[in-house]
Amino acid sequence: MASFTALRNEVFSREHRRQQYTDKLLGLNAYERHKHFIKEYQQYYYGASAASSAGQKLPLKTDNDTLRETYRFIRTEEDDAERSWEQRLAKRYHEKLFKEYCIADMSRYKESRIGMRWRTEKEVISGKGQFECANKKCARKEGLRSYEVNFAYTEAGESKQALVKLRVCPKCSFKLNYRKEKELERKLQRDAKMRKRKRAQDKSRKKSRNKSRERISREERSDEESGEESSDQEEKDSSDVSEDLEGVRRFRKTKSQEGGSDGGRMQETEGKDKEFEPFFKGMFL
């Protein structure tokens, strides 16, 4: 059996340790106390033997994790109807946001994947998203333009759409419309190739037309030359005929001038022939 002195010393030492533990907790802020309690909970209560044997830290679900699970970009009446503390936390956070302009994350704009969220109070005060580019990694204030974007996103396993407003600089505007700009660029390139191909085809057609025209003109010239030669031959032949006729005329003229006796005899024979014809015809009746 322990003596009274040993029991008193044990009580005093226990109280001393308790006082030290209390002083230690009082010296911590709320977040440090939270981490300290969670560490002790994992170490002494929640699967202490399994965690120590595996040498791993057990997962913790913080308020941030709860917000990621229950947060909705646009809340509906069904979301507000649920009265669990997770939904109340998400609703309270949603009510603190300013839903006029959005903040965009364009780190993956080449994949056409742009993230958007509402502005916080700190961003509204600094002018981020309205007087400063809404891109999270851009701080330009010149040349801002407003866009109304159809934001298509997936939330809680559902595909949703919402019209949101963004104010961005020209450089971020290109990122925002990257897919359309690329499609327009490809279309312009296709049109340029088609115009180039059409010009080449027109050039080849024009060249072939010129060749056919030259060939036709050469054929026409050759036909004209052959026609001129034939006309020259015809003129020559006609001139030869006219010369022959003229020679015959001259010959007849000379014959007629040589003497009239022969002409009389010819007339006599012609008269005899006329008299003999009816006699000759009567012999065969």
C-alpha atoms as a PDB file:
ATOM      1  CA  MET A   1       0.000   0.000   0.000  1.00  0.00           C
ATOM      2  CA  ALA A   2       1.334   3.400  -1.061  1.00  0.00           C
ATOM      3  CA  SER A   3       2.056   5.937   1.565  1.00  0.00           C
ATOM      4  CA  PHE A   4       0.281   9.256   1.921  1.00  0.00           C
ATOM      5  CA  THR A   5       3.351  11.161   0.714  1.00  0.00           C
ATOM      6  CA  ALA A   6       3.561   9.203  -2.541  1.00  0.00           C
ATOM      7  CA  LEU A   7      -0.137   9.764  -3.258  1.00  0.00           C
ATOM      8  CA  ARG A   8       0.178  13.482  -2.526  1.00  0.00           C
ATOM      9  CA  ASN A   9       3.191  13.802  -4.855  1.00  0.00           C
ATOM     10  CA  GLU A  10       1.318  11.980  -7.639  1.00  0.00           C
ATOM     11  CA  VAL A  11      -1.692  14.286  -7.310  1.00  0.00           C
ATOM     12  CA  PHE A  12       0.486  17.381  -7.310  1.00  0.00           C
ATOM     13  CA  SER A  13       2.424  16.188 -10.408  1.00  0.00           C
ATOM     14  CA  ARG A  14      -0.831  15.419 -12.264  1.00  0.00           C
ATOM     15  CA  GLU A  15      -2.202  18.859 -11.470  1.00  0.00           C
ATOM     16  CA  HIS A  16       1.090  20.403 -12.532  1.00  0.00           C
ATOM     17  CA  ARG A  17       0.964  18.637 -15.937  1.00  0.00           C
ATOM     18  CA  ARG A  18      -2.674  19.657 -16.380  1.00  0.00           C
ATOM     19  CA  GLN A  19      -1.754  23.246 -15.625  1.00  0.00           C
ATOM     20  CA  GLN A  20       1.110  23.122 -18.124  1.00  0.00           C
ATOM     21  CA  TYR A  21      -1.202  21.635 -20.786  1.00  0.00           C
ATOM     22  CA  THR A  22      -3.808  24.342 -20.142  1.00  0.00           C
ATOM     23  CA  ASP A  23      -1.176  27.080 -20.342  1.00  0.00           C
ATOM     24  CA  LYS A  24       0.086  25.602 -23.581  1.00  0.00           C
ATOM     25  CA  LEU A  25      -3.423  25.601 -25.091  1.00  0.00           C
ATOM     26  CA  LEU A  26      -4.061  29.152 -23.950  1.00  0.00           C
ATOM     27  CA  GLY A  27      -0.901  30.237 -25.782  1.00  0.00           C
ATOM     28  CA  LEU A  28      -2.205  28.910 -29.136  1.00  0.00           C
ATOM     29  CA  ASN A  29      -4.609  30.564 -31.536  1.00  0.00           C
ATOM     30  CA  ALA A  30      -7.817  28.879 -32.702  1.00  0.00           C
ATOM     31  CA  TYR A  31      -6.311  27.227 -35.818  1.00  0.00           C
ATOM     32  CA  GLU A  32      -3.273  25.886 -33.918  1.00  0.00           C
ATOM     33  CA  ARG A  33      -5.546  24.508 -31.160  1.00  0.00           C
ATOM     34  CA  HIS A  34      -7.662  22.864 -33.875  1.00  0.00           C
ATOM     35  CA  LYS A  35      -4.605  21.151 -35.379  1.00  0.00           C
ATOM     36  CA  HIS A  36      -3.407  20.101 -31.924  1.00  0.00           C
ATOM     37  CA  PHE A  37      -6.756  18.505 -31.032  1.00  0.00           C
ATOM     38  CA  ILE A  38      -7.015  16.739 -34.395  1.00  0.00           C
ATOM     39  CA  LYS A  39      -3.511  15.350 -33.951  1.00  0.00           C
ATOM     40  CA  GLU A  40      -4.372  14.000 -30.500  1.00  0.00           C
ATOM     41  CA  TYR A  41      -7.652  12.618 -31.792  1.00  0.00           C
ATOM     42  CA  GLN A  42      -5.852  10.715 -34.557  1.00  0.00           C
ATOM     43  CA  GLN A  43      -3.143   9.584 -32.180  1.00  0.00           C
ATOM     44  CA  TYR A  44      -5.223   8.387 -29.190  1.00  0.00           C
ATOM     45  CA  TYR A  45      -8.835   7.801 -30.321  1.00  0.00           C
ATOM     46  CA  TYR A  46      -9.467   7.348 -34.059  1.00  0.00           C
ATOM     47  CA  GLY A  47      -7.668   4.208 -35.253  1.00  0.00           C
ATOM     48  CA  ALA A  48      -4.519   4.896 -33.299  1.00  0.00           C
ATOM     49  CA  SER A  49      -3.128   1.393 -33.682  1.00  0.00           C
ATOM     50  CA  ALA A  50      -3.860   1.173 -37.460  1.00  0.00           C
ATOM     51  CA  ALA A  51      -2.391   4.605 -38.173  1.00  0.00           C
ATOM     52  CA  SER A  52       0.731   3.958 -36.108  1.00  0.00           C
ATOM     53  CA  SER A  53       1.295   0.538 -37.687  1.00  0.00           C
ATOM     54  CA  ALA A  54       0.850   1.865 -41.272  1.00  0.00           C
ATOM     55  CA  GLY A  55       2.810   5.027 -40.554  1.00  0.00           C
ATOM     56  CA  GLN A  56       0.301   7.141 -42.495  1.00  0.00           C
ATOM     57  CA  LYS A  57      -1.749  10.192 -41.644  1.00  0.00           C
ATOM     58  CA  LEU A  58      -5.468   9.698 -41.677  1.00  0.00           C
ATOM     59  CA  PRO A  59      -7.470  11.999 -44.030  1.00  0.00           C
ATOM     60  CA  LEU A  60      -9.135  15.041 -42.554  1.00  0.00           C
ATOM     61  CA  LYS A  61     -12.223  16.764 -43.908  1.00  0.00           C
ATOM     62  CA  THR A  62     -11.968  20.494 -43.397  1.00  0.00           C
ATOM     63  CA  ASP A  63     -14.458  23.298 -44.069  1.00  0.00           C
ATOM     64  CA  ASN A  64     -12.702  23.904 -47.375  1.00  0.00           C
ATOM     65  CA  ASP A  65     -13.384  20.339 -48.446  1.00  0.00           C
ATOM     66  CA  THR A  66     -17.007  20.709 -47.401  1.00  0.00           C
ATOM     67  CA  LEU A  67     -17.335  23.900 -49.455  1.00  0.00           C
ATOM     68  CA  ARG A  68     -15.821  22.231 -52.530  1.00  0.00           C
ATOM     69  CA  GLU A  69     -18.380  19.442 -52.263  1.00  0.00           C
ATOM     70  CA  THR A  70     -21.483  21.532 -51.583  1.00  0.00           C
ATOM     71  CA  TYR A  71     -20.674  24.800 -53.403  1.00  0.00           C
ATOM     72  CA  ARG A  72     -22.841  25.672 -56.416  1.00  0.00           C
ATOM     73  CA  PHE A  73     -21.974  28.368 -58.968  1.00  0.00           C
ATOM     74  CA  ILE A  74     -25.670  29.239 -59.250  1.00  0.00           C
ATOM     75  CA  ARG A  75     -27.794  28.000 -56.390  1.00  0.00           C
ATOM     76  CA  THR A  76     -31.358  26.800 -56.916  1.00  0.00           C
ATOM     77  CA  GLU A  77     -34.351  26.586 -54.573  1.00  0.00           C
ATOM     78  CA  GLU A  78     -33.695  22.881 -54.117  1.00  0.00           C
ATOM     79  CA  ASP A  79     -30.171  23.623 -52.872  1.00  0.00           C
ATOM     80  CA  ASP A  80     -31.516  26.170 -50.396  1.00  0.00           C
ATOM     81  CA  ALA A  81     -34.254  23.807 -49.218  1.00  0.00           C
ATOM     82  CA  GLU A  82     -31.745  21.433 -47.618  1.00  0.00           C
ATOM     83  CA  ARG A  83     -31.035  22.429 -44.012  1.00  0.00           C
ATOM     84  CA  SER A  84     -27.847  20.419 -43.320  1.00  0.00           C
ATOM     85  CA  TRP A  85     -24.902  22.330 -41.888  1.00  0.00           C
ATOM     86  CA  GLU A  86     -22.904  21.702 -45.090  1.00  0.00           C
ATOM     87  CA  GLN A  87     -25.584  23.390 -47.197  1.00  0.00           C
ATOM     88  CA  ARG A  88     -25.911  26.211 -44.682  1.00  0.00           C
ATOM     89  CA  LEU A  89     -22.141  26.752 -44.864  1.00  0.00           C
ATOM     90  CA  ALA A  90     -22.214  26.802 -48.702  1.00  0.00           C
ATOM     91  CA  LYS A  91     -25.190  29.179 -48.740  1.00  0.00           C
ATOM     92  CA  ARG A  92     -23.519  31.553 -46.281  1.00  0.00           C
ATOM     93  CA  TYR A  93     -20.359  31.588 -48.428  1.00  0.00           C
ATOM     94  CA  HIS A  94     -22.410  32.102 -51.621  1.00  0.00           C
ATOM     95  CA  GLU A  95     -24.216  35.102 -50.150  1.00  0.00           C
ATOM     96  CA  LYS A  96     -20.891  36.824 -49.447  1.00  0.00           C
ATOM     97  CA  LEU A  97     -19.882  36.729 -53.124  1.00  0.00           C
ATOM     98  CA  PHE A  98     -20.516  39.539 -55.673  1.00  0.00           C
ATOM     99  CA  LYS A  99     -22.197  38.186 -58.791  1.00  0.00           C
ATOM    100  CA  GLU A 100     -21.956  41.029 -61.316  1.00  0.00           C
ATOM    101  CA  TYR A 101     -18.594  40.197 -62.923  1.00  0.00           C
ATOM    102  CA  CYS A 102     -16.548  36.990 -62.943  1.00  0.00           C
ATOM    103  CA  ILE A 103     -12.894  36.139 -62.387  1.00  0.00           C
ATOM    104  CA  ALA A 104     -11.445  33.733 -64.996  1.00  0.00           C
ATOM    105  CA  ASP A 105      -8.636  31.204 -64.877  1.00  0.00           C
ATOM    106  CA  MET A 106      -7.188  31.029 -68.436  1.00  0.00           C
ATOM    107  CA  SER A 107      -4.204  28.785 -67.760  1.00  0.00           C
ATOM    108  CA  ARG A 108      -5.698  26.095 -70.064  1.00  0.00           C
ATOM    109  CA  TYR A 109      -7.229  28.320 -72.729  1.00  0.00           C
ATOM    110  CA  LYS A 110      -5.636  26.324 -75.594  1.00  0.00           C
ATOM    111  CA  GLU A 111      -7.781  23.349 -74.564  1.00  0.00           C
ATOM    112  CA  SER A 112     -10.894  25.593 -74.534  1.00  0.00           C
ATOM    113  CA  ARG A 113     -11.166  25.023 -70.790  1.00  0.00           C
ATOM    114  CA  ILE A 114     -11.595  28.261 -68.842  1.00  0.00           C
ATOM    115  CA  GLY A 115     -12.627  28.305 -65.189  1.00  0.00           C
ATOM    116  CA  MET A 116     -14.810  31.085 -63.741  1.00  0.00           C
ATOM    117  CA  ARG A 117     -15.901  32.148 -60.303  1.00  0.00           C
ATOM    118  CA  TRP A 118     -17.620  35.110 -58.636  1.00  0.00           C
ATOM    119  CA  ARG A 119     -15.665  37.955 -57.063  1.00  0.00           C
ATOM    120  CA  THR A 120     -14.953  38.282 -53.369  1.00  0.00           C
ATOM    121  CA  GLU A 121     -15.264  41.461 -51.326  1.00  0.00           C
ATOM    122  CA  LYS A 122     -11.524  42.080 -51.425  1.00  0.00           C
ATOM    123  CA  GLU A 123     -11.497  41.880 -55.243  1.00  0.00           C
ATOM    124  CA  VAL A 124     -14.467  44.237 -55.525  1.00  0.00           C
ATOM    125  CA  ILE A 125     -12.689  46.820 -53.362  1.00  0.00           C
ATOM    126  CA  SER A 126      -9.469  46.575 -55.420  1.00  0.00           C
ATOM    127  CA  GLY A 127     -11.406  46.748 -58.725  1.00  0.00           C
ATOM    128  CA  LYS A 128     -10.278  43.339 -59.945  1.00  0.00           C
ATOM    129  CA  GLY A 129     -12.588  42.072 -62.679  1.00  0.00           C
ATOM    130  CA  GLN A 130     -14.137  45.488 -63.430  1.00  0.00           C
ATOM    131  CA  PHE A 131     -11.393  48.126 -63.617  1.00  0.00           C
ATOM    132  CA  GLU A 132      -8.654  45.526 -63.932  1.00  0.00           C
ATOM    133  CA  CYS A 133      -8.484  42.514 -66.275  1.00  0.00           C
ATOM    134  CA  ALA A 134     -10.601  39.609 -65.032  1.00  0.00           C
ATOM    135  CA  ASN A 135      -7.879  37.073 -65.850  1.00  0.00           C
ATOM    136  CA  LYS A 136      -6.485  35.807 -62.560  1.00  0.00           C
ATOM    137  CA  LYS A 137      -2.863  36.241 -63.729  1.00  0.00           C
ATOM    138  CA  CYS A 138      -3.258  39.567 -65.565  1.00  0.00           C
ATOM    139  CA  ALA A 139      -3.245  43.046 -64.023  1.00  0.00           C
ATOM    140  CA  ARG A 140      -3.758  45.274 -67.082  1.00  0.00           C
ATOM    141  CA  LYS A 141      -6.125  48.218 -66.810  1.00  0.00           C
ATOM    142  CA  GLU A 142      -6.009  49.655 -70.349  1.00  0.00           C
ATOM    143  CA  GLY A 143      -8.257  48.706 -73.238  1.00  0.00           C
ATOM    144  CA  LEU A 144     -10.692  46.600 -71.223  1.00  0.00           C
ATOM    145  CA  ARG A 145     -13.789  45.318 -72.978  1.00  0.00           C
ATOM    146  CA  SER A 146     -16.926  43.674 -71.607  1.00  0.00           C
ATOM    147  CA  TYR A 147     -18.064  40.263 -72.861  1.00  0.00           C
ATOM    148  CA  GLU A 148     -21.202  38.276 -72.129  1.00  0.00           C
ATOM    149  CA  VAL A 149     -20.056  34.664 -72.189  1.00  0.00           C
ATOM    150  CA  ASN A 150     -22.088  31.480 -72.264  1.00  0.00           C
ATOM    151  CA  PHE A 151     -20.273  29.597 -69.485  1.00  0.00           C
ATOM    152  CA  ALA A 152     -20.801  25.822 -69.883  1.00  0.00           C
ATOM    153  CA  TYR A 153     -19.627  23.818 -66.884  1.00  0.00           C
ATOM    154  CA  THR A 154     -20.142  20.521 -65.078  1.00  0.00           C
ATOM    155  CA  GLU A 155     -21.233  20.585 -61.440  1.00  0.00           C
ATOM    156  CA  ALA A 156     -22.324  17.702 -59.215  1.00  0.00           C
ATOM    157  CA  GLY A 157     -22.324  15.391 -62.241  1.00  0.00           C
ATOM    158  CA  GLU A 158     -24.660  17.670 -64.253  1.00  0.00           C
ATOM    159  CA  SER A 159     -23.938  19.795 -67.326  1.00  0.00           C
ATOM    160  CA  LYS A 160     -25.057  23.405 -66.810  1.00  0.00           C
ATOM    161  CA  GLN A 161     -24.903  26.729 -68.617  1.00  0.00           C
ATOM    162  CA  ALA A 162     -24.970  30.331 -67.428  1.00  0.00           C
ATOM    163  CA  LEU A 163     -24.529  33.762 -69.036  1.00  0.00           C
ATOM    164  CA  VAL A 164     -21.811  35.679 -67.178  1.00  0.00           C
ATOM    165  CA  LYS A 165     -20.014  38.984 -67.745  1.00  0.00           C
ATOM    166  CA  LEU A 166     -16.256  39.407 -68.097  1.00  0.00           C
ATOM    167  CA  ARG A 167     -14.011  42.439 -68.568  1.00  0.00           C
ATOM    168  CA  VAL A 168     -10.695  41.534 -70.132  1.00  0.00           C
ATOM    169  CA  CYS A 169      -7.786  43.188 -71.956  1.00  0.00           C
ATOM    170  CA  PRO A 170      -7.103  42.569 -75.699  1.00  0.00           C
ATOM    171  CA  LYS A 171      -4.508  39.858 -74.999  1.00  0.00           C
ATOM    172  CA  CYS A 172      -6.843  37.942 -72.689  1.00  0.00           C
ATOM    173  CA  SER A 173      -9.692  38.556 -75.131  1.00  0.00           C
ATOM    174  CA  PHE A 174      -7.750  36.500 -77.678  1.00  0.00           C
ATOM    175  CA  LYS A 175      -7.367  33.753 -75.067  1.00  0.00           C
ATOM    176  CA  LEU A 176     -11.077  33.915 -74.297  1.00  0.00           C
ATOM    177  CA  ASN A 177     -11.985  33.507 -78.004  1.00  0.00           C
ATOM    178  CA  TYR A 178      -9.034  31.247 -78.843  1.00  0.00           C
ATOM    179  CA  ARG A 179     -11.094  28.490 -80.464  1.00  0.00           C
ATOM    180  CA  LYS A 180     -13.102  30.893 -82.632  1.00  0.00           C
ATOM    181  CA  GLU A 181      -9.938  32.783 -83.608  1.00  0.00           C
ATOM    182  CA  LYS A 182      -8.255  29.541 -84.640  1.00  0.00           C
ATOM    183  CA  GLU A 183     -11.314  28.457 -86.609  1.00  0.00           C
ATOM    184  CA  LEU A 184     -11.388  31.847 -88.363  1.00  0.00           C
ATOM    185  CA  GLU A 185      -7.660  31.597 -89.091  1.00  0.00           C
ATOM    186  CA  ARG A 186      -8.072  28.100 -90.562  1.00  0.00           C
ATOM    187  CA  LYS A 187     -11.016  29.336 -92.656  1.00  0.00           C
ATOM    188  CA  LEU A 188      -8.961  32.265 -93.988  1.00  0.00           C
ATOM    189  CA  GLN A 189      -6.113  29.895 -94.838  1.00  0.00           C
ATOM    190  CA  ARG A 190      -8.522  27.582 -96.674  1.00  0.00           C
ATOM    191  CA  ASP A 191      -9.994  30.552 -98.565  1.00  0.00           C
ATOM    192  CA  ALA A 192      -6.498  31.763 -99.480  1.00  0.00           C
ATOM    193  CA  LYS A 193      -5.570  28.305-100.792  1.00  0.00           C
ATOM    194  CA  MET A 194      -8.809  28.124-102.788  1.00  0.00           C
ATOM    195  CA  ARG A 195      -8.184  31.594-104.271  1.00  0.00           C
ATOM    196  CA  LYS A 196      -4.613  30.607-105.157  1.00  0.00           C
ATOM    197  CA  ARG A 197      -5.811  27.375-106.788  1.00  0.00           C
ATOM    198  CA  LYS A 198      -8.509  29.272-108.680  1.00  0.00           C
ATOM    199  CA  ARG A 199      -5.974  31.831-109.934  1.00  0.00           C
ATOM    200  CA  ALA A 200      -3.715  29.005-111.129  1.00  0.00           C
ATOM    201  CA  GLN A 201      -6.666  27.342-112.904  1.00  0.00           C
ATOM    202  CA  ASP A 202      -7.706  30.651-114.511  1.00  0.00           C
ATOM    203  CA  LYS A 203      -4.118  31.217-115.605  1.00  0.00           C
ATOM    204  CA  SER A 204      -3.912  27.748-117.169  1.00  0.00           C
ATOM    205  CA  ARG A 205      -7.302  28.264-118.894  1.00  0.00           C
ATOM    206  CA  LYS A 206      -6.170  31.637-120.226  1.00  0.00           C
ATOM    207  CA  LYS A 207      -2.934  30.121-121.457  1.00  0.00           C
ATOM    208  CA  SER A 208      -4.802  27.303-123.230  1.00  0.00           C
ATOM    209  CA  ARG A 209      -7.237  29.837-124.761  1.00  0.00           C
ATOM    210  CA  ASN A 210      -4.325  31.923-126.022  1.00  0.00           C
ATOM    211  CA  LYS A 211      -2.724  28.823-127.528  1.00  0.00           C
ATOM    212  CA  SER A 212      -5.977  27.845-129.255  1.00  0.00           C
ATOM    213  CA  ARG A 213      -6.407  31.412-130.555  1.00  0.00           C
ATOM    214  CA  GLU A 214      -2.853  31.429-131.918  1.00  0.00           C
ATOM    215  CA  ARG A 215      -3.459  28.056-133.602  1.00  0.00           C
ATOM    216  CA  ILE A 216      -6.731  29.305-135.120  1.00  0.00           C
ATOM    217  CA  SER A 217      -5.053  32.498-136.331  1.00  0.00           C
ATOM    218  CA  ARG A 218      -2.236  30.460-137.901  1.00  0.00           C
ATOM    219  CA  GLU A 219      -4.797  28.250-139.669  1.00  0.00           C
ATOM    220  CA  GLU A 220      -6.686  31.316-140.886  1.00  0.00           C
ATOM    221  CA  ARG A 221      -3.476  32.868-142.202  1.00  0.00           C
ATOM    222  CA  SER A 222      -2.575  29.639-144.011  1.00  0.00           C
ATOM    223  CA  ASP A 223      -6.117  29.490-145.485  1.00  0.00           C
ATOM    224  CA  GLU A 224      -5.825  33.094-146.636  1.00  0.00           C
ATOM    225  CA  GLU A 225      -2.479  32.407-148.257  1.00  0.00           C
ATOM    226  CA  SER A 226      -3.824  29.306-150.038  1.00  0.00           C
ATOM    227  CA  GLY A 227      -6.901  31.323-151.095  1.00  0.00           C
ATOM    228  CA  GLU A 228      -4.687  34.050-152.540  1.00  0.00           C
ATOM    229  CA  GLU A 229      -2.698  31.458-154.471  1.00  0.00           C
ATOM    230  CA  SER A 230      -5.892  29.870-155.859  1.00  0.00           C
ATOM    231  CA  SER A 231      -7.274  33.285-156.830  1.00  0.00           C
ATOM    232  CA  ASP A 232      -4.002  34.081-158.588  1.00  0.00           C
ATOM    233  CA  GLN A 233      -4.224  30.763-160.490  1.00  0.00           C
ATOM    234  CA  GLU A 234      -7.860  31.459-161.443  1.00  0.00           C
ATOM    235  CA  GLU A 235      -6.939  34.912-162.676  1.00  0.00           C
ATOM    236  CA  LYS A 236      -4.101  33.389-164.659  1.00  0.00           C
ATOM    237  CA  ASP A 237      -6.392  30.735-166.148  1.00  0.00           C
ATOM    238  CA  SER A 238      -9.042  33.316-166.976  1.00  0.00           C
ATOM    239  CA  SER A 239      -6.435  35.491-168.597  1.00  0.00           C
ATOM    240  CA  ASP A 240      -5.228  32.510-170.665  1.00  0.00           C
ATOM    241  CA  VAL A 241      -8.803  31.761-171.770  1.00  0.00           C
ATOM    242  CA  SER A 242      -9.368  35.381-172.690  1.00  0.00           C
ATOM    243  CA  GLU A 243      -6.161  35.347-174.707  1.00  0.00           C
ATOM    244  CA  ASP A 244      -7.286  32.207-176.521  1.00  0.00           C
ATOM    245  CA  LEU A 245     -10.658  33.750-177.285  1.00  0.00           C
ATOM    246  CA  GLU A 246      -8.979  36.868-178.540  1.00  0.00           C
ATOM    247  CA  GLY A 247      -6.765  34.737-180.776  1.00  0.00           C
ATOM    248  CA  VAL A 248      -9.817  32.960-182.183  1.00  0.00           C
ATOM    249  CA  ARG A 249     -11.467  36.282-182.844  1.00  0.00           C
ATOM    250  CA  ARG A 250      -8.402  37.582-184.601  1.00  0.00           C
ATOM    251  CA  PHE A 251      -8.188  34.359-186.627  1.00  0.00           C
ATOM    252  CA  ARG A 252     -11.825  34.634-187.715  1.00  0.00           C
ATOM    253  CA  LYS A 253     -11.363  38.243-188.580  1.00  0.00           C
ATOM    254  CA  THR A 254      -8.376  37.499-190.735  1.00  0.00           C
ATOM    255  CA  LYS A 255     -10.250  34.688-192.451  1.00  0.00           C
ATOM    256  CA  SER A 256     -13.191  36.909-193.136  1.00  0.00           C
ATOM    257  CA  GLN A 257     -10.875  39.533-194.622  1.00  0.00           C
ATOM    258  CA  GLU A 258      -9.062  37.077-196.950  1.00  0.00           C
ATOM    259  CA  GLY A 259     -11.763  36.680-199.632  1.00  0.00           C
ATOM    260  CA  GLY A 260     -15.534  36.616-200.144  1.00  0.00           C
ATOM    261  CA  SER A 261     -15.604  33.736-202.759  1.00  0.00           C
ATOM    262  CA  ASP A 262     -15.262  31.109-200.146  1.00  0.00           C
ATOM    263  CA  GLY A 263     -18.022  32.747-198.222  1.00  0.00           C
ATOM    264  CA  GLY A 264     -20.339  32.554-201.264  1.00  0.00           C
ATOM    265  CA  ARG A 265     -19.639  28.906-201.758  1.00  0.00           C
ATOM    266  CA  MET A 266     -20.425  28.245-198.159  1.00  0.00           C
ATOM    267  CA  GLN A 267     -23.775  29.987-198.550  1.00  0.00           C
ATOM    268  CA  GLU A 268     -24.516  27.899-201.655  1.00  0.00           C
ATOM    269  CA  THR A 269     -23.798  24.637-199.861  1.00  0.00           C
ATOM    270  CA  GLU A 270     -25.977  25.737-196.974  1.00  0.00           C
ATOM    271  CA  GLY A 271     -28.861  26.341-199.425  1.00  0.00           C
ATOM    272  CA  LYS A 272     -28.402  22.929-200.989  1.00  0.00           C
ATOM    273  CA  ASP A 273     -28.476  21.307-197.592  1.00  0.00           C
ATOM    274  CA  LYS A 274     -31.748  23.000-196.867  1.00  0.00           C
ATOM    275  CA  GLU A 275     -33.260  21.696-200.130  1.00  0.00           C
ATOM    276  CA  PHE A 276     -31.971  18.167-199.543  1.00  0.00           C
ATOM    277  CA  GLU A 277     -33.366  17.794-196.038  1.00  0.00           C
ATOM    278  CA  PRO A 278     -37.068  17.403-196.979  1.00  0.00           C
ATOM    279  CA  PHE A 279     -36.142  14.979-199.800  1.00  0.00           C
ATOM    280  CA  PHE A 280     -34.060  12.923-197.448  1.00  0.00           C
ATOM    281  CA  LYS A 281     -36.802  12.801-194.840  1.00  0.00           C
ATOM    282  CA  GLY A 282     -39.375  11.629-197.484  1.00  0.00           C
ATOM    283  CA  MET A 283     -37.350   8.538-198.288  1.00  0.00           C
ATOM    284  CA  PHE A 284     -38.029   7.044-194.876  1.00  0.00           C
ATOM    285  CA  LEU A 285     -41.725   7.717-194.565  1.00  0.00           C
END
